[in-house]
Protein backbone atom coordinates (compact mmCIF):
# COMPACT_ATOMS: atom_id res chain seq x y z
CA MET A 1 -69.62 67.87 -83.80
CA LEU A 2 -66.48 65.47 -81.97
CA SER A 3 -66.53 62.26 -81.41
CA ILE A 4 -64.78 60.33 -78.72
CA TRP A 5 -64.84 57.07 -77.27
CA GLY A 6 -68.88 57.05 -78.22
CA GLN A 7 -69.13 60.23 -76.14
CA GLN A 8 -69.94 63.48 -78.37
CA LEU A 9 -69.07 66.63 -77.61
CA ILE A 10 -70.00 69.88 -79.59
CA VAL A 11 -66.97 72.35 -80.36
CA ASN A 12 -69.20 75.52 -80.46
CA GLU A 13 -66.46 78.32 -79.46
CA ASP A 14 -62.54 77.91 -80.27
CA THR A 15 -61.76 74.76 -81.52
CA ASN A 16 -58.26 75.20 -79.92
CA LEU A 17 -59.58 74.15 -77.16
CA ILE A 18 -59.45 70.28 -78.20
CA SER A 19 -55.32 71.08 -78.86
CA LYS A 20 -55.09 72.12 -74.88
CA THR A 21 -57.06 69.11 -73.72
CA PHE A 22 -54.90 66.21 -75.78
CA SER A 23 -51.40 65.86 -75.19
CA PHE A 24 -49.32 62.63 -77.27
CA SER A 25 -46.14 61.30 -76.53
CA ASN A 26 -44.00 60.13 -79.26
CA LYS A 27 -44.39 56.15 -77.99
CA GLY A 28 -48.07 56.09 -78.48
CA HIS A 29 -49.14 57.24 -74.89
CA GLY A 30 -51.82 60.01 -74.27
CA LEU A 31 -53.09 62.37 -71.85
CA TYR A 32 -56.67 63.71 -71.93
CA LEU A 33 -58.17 66.49 -69.83
CA VAL A 34 -61.63 65.24 -69.49
CA THR A 35 -62.20 67.72 -66.22
CA PRO A 36 -60.05 70.04 -65.06
CA THR A 37 -59.13 67.88 -62.06
CA GLU A 38 -59.10 64.54 -63.81
CA ILE A 39 -56.87 63.15 -66.60
CA GLN A 40 -57.57 60.16 -68.59
CA LYS A 41 -54.83 58.23 -70.26
CA PHE A 42 -54.85 56.30 -73.52
CA THR A 43 -52.06 54.69 -75.89
CA VAL A 44 -52.54 54.62 -79.45
CA CYS A 45 -51.88 51.51 -81.20
CA GLN A 46 -50.33 50.79 -84.60
CA GLY A 47 -53.63 49.42 -85.78
CA PHE A 48 -55.06 52.27 -84.69
CA ARG A 49 -53.00 54.61 -86.93
CA LYS A 50 -53.39 52.66 -89.90
CA ARG A 51 -57.12 52.78 -89.68
CA ILE A 52 -56.86 56.66 -88.81
CA ILE A 53 -54.49 57.18 -91.97
CA THR A 54 -57.21 55.18 -93.98
CA LEU A 55 -60.13 57.06 -92.70
CA LEU A 56 -58.96 60.75 -92.89
CA SER A 57 -56.56 59.43 -96.08
CA ILE A 58 -53.75 61.33 -95.39
CA GLY A 59 -51.60 58.36 -95.89
CA ASP A 60 -49.81 59.39 -99.06
CA ILE A 61 -49.29 62.95 -96.68
CA ILE A 62 -47.28 61.05 -93.66
CA GLU A 63 -45.47 58.60 -95.70
CA ASP A 64 -43.73 61.42 -97.60
CA GLY A 65 -42.44 63.33 -94.22
CA GLN A 66 -41.43 60.16 -92.96
């Protein structure tokens, strides 16, 4: 199950569908394909990045990669 902005999406089939519906830039901007005809733009701030790293406990992996 994947939770996005308080909405839940159950993925039973190919999880590659998720990677096809999200697009990120190197400046923190992203696009989410809500429906085949609707695109939602979002921004990932540095504070969010720090929280995600802490949540996923991948801080050591990311820091080593930079």
